[in-house]
Amino acid sequence: ESARRSRYRKAAHLKDLEDQVDTLKAENSCLLRRLAALNQKYNDATVDNRVLKADMETLRAK
């Protein structure tokens, strides 16, 4: 009886850990997508900033 309860607890714990792994993998995937989107926005803003600085220098030179 004790061994059976121990096996049951161990199996339940393993199931909980597997569920946690699945949850963390899904969260990680979501965070990676958000990071990629933010990196793209950062890169776009950097390009826009360079263009604006070049335009500003052109206007100053006139």
N, C-alpha and C. Protein backbone atom coordinates (compact mmCIF):
# COMPACT_ATOMS: atom_id res chain seq x y z
N GLU A 1 0.83 -1.21 0.00
CA GLU A 1 0.00 0.00 0.00
C GLU A 1 0.87 1.26 0.00
N SER A 2 1.87 1.29 0.83
CA SER A 2 2.76 2.45 0.90
C SER A 2 3.49 2.67 -0.42
N ALA A 3 3.96 1.58 -1.00
CA ALA A 3 4.67 1.68 -2.28
C ALA A 3 3.73 2.18 -3.38
N ARG A 4 2.50 1.74 -3.34
CA ARG A 4 1.52 2.17 -4.35
C ARG A 4 1.24 3.67 -4.21
N ARG A 5 1.09 4.14 -2.97
CA ARG A 5 0.87 5.58 -2.75
C ARG A 5 2.09 6.38 -3.21
N SER A 6 3.26 5.85 -2.93
CA SER A 6 4.49 6.52 -3.35
C SER A 6 4.57 6.62 -4.87
N ARG A 7 4.23 5.53 -5.56
CA ARG A 7 4.24 5.55 -7.02
C ARG A 7 3.21 6.54 -7.56
N TYR A 8 2.05 6.58 -6.91
CA TYR A 8 1.00 7.50 -7.33
C TYR A 8 1.47 8.95 -7.17
N ARG A 9 2.07 9.26 -6.00
CA ARG A 9 2.57 10.61 -5.77
C ARG A 9 3.66 10.97 -6.78
N LYS A 10 4.53 10.02 -7.05
CA LYS A 10 5.61 10.26 -8.01
C LYS A 10 5.04 10.52 -9.41
N ALA A 11 4.05 9.73 -9.82
CA ALA A 11 3.42 9.92 -11.13
C ALA A 11 2.70 11.26 -11.19
N ALA A 12 2.02 11.63 -10.12
CA ALA A 12 1.31 12.91 -10.09
C ALA A 12 2.31 14.07 -10.17
N HIS A 13 3.41 13.94 -9.45
CA HIS A 13 4.45 14.98 -9.48
C HIS A 13 5.04 15.10 -10.89
N LEU A 14 5.30 13.97 -11.51
CA LEU A 14 5.84 13.97 -12.87
C LEU A 14 4.86 14.65 -13.83
N LYS A 15 3.58 14.35 -13.70
CA LYS A 15 2.55 14.98 -14.54
C LYS A 15 2.54 16.49 -14.33
N ASP A 16 2.63 16.92 -13.07
CA ASP A 16 2.67 18.35 -12.79
C ASP A 16 3.89 19.00 -13.45
N LEU A 17 5.03 18.34 -13.37
CA LEU A 17 6.24 18.89 -13.98
C LEU A 17 6.12 18.95 -15.50
N GLU A 18 5.52 17.93 -16.10
CA GLU A 18 5.32 17.93 -17.55
C GLU A 18 4.38 19.05 -17.97
N ASP A 19 3.33 19.27 -17.18
CA ASP A 19 2.41 20.37 -17.47
C ASP A 19 3.13 21.72 -17.36
N GLN A 20 3.98 21.83 -16.35
CA GLN A 20 4.74 23.07 -16.16
C GLN A 20 5.68 23.30 -17.34
N VAL A 21 6.32 22.25 -17.82
CA VAL A 21 7.20 22.37 -18.99
C VAL A 21 6.41 22.87 -20.19
N ASP A 22 5.24 22.29 -20.42
CA ASP A 22 4.40 22.72 -21.55
C ASP A 22 4.02 24.19 -21.43
N THR A 23 3.65 24.60 -20.23
CA THR A 23 3.27 26.00 -19.99
C THR A 23 4.45 26.93 -20.24
N LEU A 24 5.61 26.56 -19.74
CA LEU A 24 6.80 27.40 -19.90
C LEU A 24 7.24 27.46 -21.36
N LYS A 25 7.11 26.35 -22.08
CA LYS A 25 7.45 26.36 -23.51
C LYS A 25 6.53 27.31 -24.27
N ALA A 26 5.26 27.28 -23.96
CA ALA A 26 4.30 28.18 -24.63
C ALA A 26 4.61 29.63 -24.30
N GLU A 27 4.91 29.90 -23.03
CA GLU A 27 5.25 31.26 -22.62
C GLU A 27 6.53 31.72 -23.31
N ASN A 28 7.51 30.84 -23.39
CA ASN A 28 8.78 31.17 -24.04
C ASN A 28 8.55 31.50 -25.51
N SER A 29 7.72 30.72 -26.17
CA SER A 29 7.42 30.96 -27.58
C SER A 29 6.77 32.33 -27.77
N CYS A 30 5.84 32.65 -26.90
CA CYS A 30 5.16 33.95 -26.96
C CYS A 30 6.16 35.08 -26.73
N LEU A 31 7.04 34.92 -25.75
CA LEU A 31 8.03 35.95 -25.46
C LEU A 31 9.01 36.13 -26.62
N LEU A 32 9.38 35.03 -27.26
CA LEU A 32 10.28 35.13 -28.41
C LEU A 32 9.64 35.88 -29.56
N ARG A 33 8.34 35.65 -29.78
CA ARG A 33 7.63 36.39 -30.83
C ARG A 33 7.57 37.88 -30.50
N ARG A 34 7.29 38.19 -29.24
CA ARG A 34 7.24 39.60 -28.82
C ARG A 34 8.60 40.25 -28.97
N LEU A 35 9.66 39.52 -28.60
CA LEU A 35 11.01 40.04 -28.72
C LEU A 35 11.35 40.33 -30.18
N ALA A 36 10.99 39.42 -31.07
CA ALA A 36 11.26 39.62 -32.49
C ALA A 36 10.53 40.86 -33.00
N ALA A 37 9.28 41.04 -32.59
CA ALA A 37 8.51 42.21 -33.01
C ALA A 37 9.14 43.50 -32.48
N LEU A 38 9.57 43.48 -31.23
CA LEU A 38 10.20 44.67 -30.66
C LEU A 38 11.54 44.96 -31.31
N ASN A 39 12.29 43.93 -31.63
CA ASN A 39 13.56 44.13 -32.34
C ASN A 39 13.32 44.77 -33.70
N GLN A 40 12.27 44.33 -34.39
CA GLN A 40 11.95 44.91 -35.69
C GLN A 40 11.57 46.38 -35.54
N LYS A 41 10.77 46.70 -34.52
CA LYS A 41 10.40 48.10 -34.29
C LYS A 41 11.63 48.94 -33.97
N TYR A 42 12.54 48.39 -33.17
CA TYR A 42 13.77 49.10 -32.83
C TYR A 42 14.59 49.36 -34.09
N ASN A 43 14.74 48.33 -34.93
CA ASN A 43 15.51 48.50 -36.16
C ASN A 43 14.87 49.54 -37.08
N ASP A 44 13.55 49.50 -37.19
CA ASP A 44 12.84 50.50 -38.00
C ASP A 44 13.06 51.91 -37.46
N ALA A 45 12.99 52.06 -36.14
CA ALA A 45 13.19 53.37 -35.52
C ALA A 45 14.62 53.85 -35.73
N THR A 46 15.58 52.94 -35.68
CA THR A 46 16.98 53.30 -35.90
C THR A 46 17.18 53.83 -37.32
N VAL A 47 16.58 53.16 -38.28
CA VAL A 47 16.67 53.62 -39.68
C VAL A 47 16.01 54.98 -39.83
N ASP A 48 14.82 55.14 -39.26
CA ASP A 48 14.12 56.43 -39.33
C ASP A 48 14.95 57.53 -38.69
N ASN A 49 15.59 57.22 -37.58
CA ASN A 49 16.42 58.20 -36.88
C ASN A 49 17.60 58.63 -37.75
N ARG A 50 18.23 57.67 -38.42
CA ARG A 50 19.35 58.01 -39.31
C ARG A 50 18.89 58.92 -40.45
N VAL A 51 17.74 58.60 -41.01
CA VAL A 51 17.21 59.42 -42.11
C VAL A 51 16.92 60.83 -41.62
N LEU A 52 16.30 60.94 -40.46
CA LEU A 52 15.98 62.27 -39.92
C LEU A 52 17.24 63.06 -39.61
N LYS A 53 18.25 62.40 -39.07
CA LYS A 53 19.52 63.10 -38.79
C LYS A 53 20.17 63.58 -40.08
N ALA A 54 20.12 62.74 -41.11
CA ALA A 54 20.69 63.15 -42.40
C ALA A 54 19.91 64.33 -42.97
N ASP A 55 18.59 64.28 -42.87
CA ASP A 55 17.76 65.40 -43.35
C ASP A 55 18.08 66.67 -42.57
N MET A 56 18.27 66.55 -41.27
CA MET A 56 18.58 67.70 -40.44
C MET A 56 19.93 68.31 -40.85
N GLU A 57 20.91 67.47 -41.10
CA GLU A 57 22.21 67.98 -41.52
C GLU A 57 22.12 68.65 -42.89
N THR A 58 21.30 68.10 -43.77
CA THR A 58 21.11 68.70 -45.09
C THR A 58 20.49 70.09 -44.95
N LEU A 59 19.50 70.21 -44.09
CA LEU A 59 18.85 71.50 -43.89
C LEU A 59 19.79 72.50 -43.23
N ARG A 60 20.62 72.05 -42.32
CA ARG A 60 21.58 72.95 -41.67
C ARG A 60 22.61 73.46 -42.67
N ALA A 61 22.97 72.63 -43.63
CA ALA A 61 24.00 73.00 -44.60
C ALA A 61 23.50 74.05 -45.59
N LYS A 62 22.20 74.22 -45.71
CA LYS A 62 21.65 75.19 -46.68
C LYS A 62 21.75 76.60 -46.17
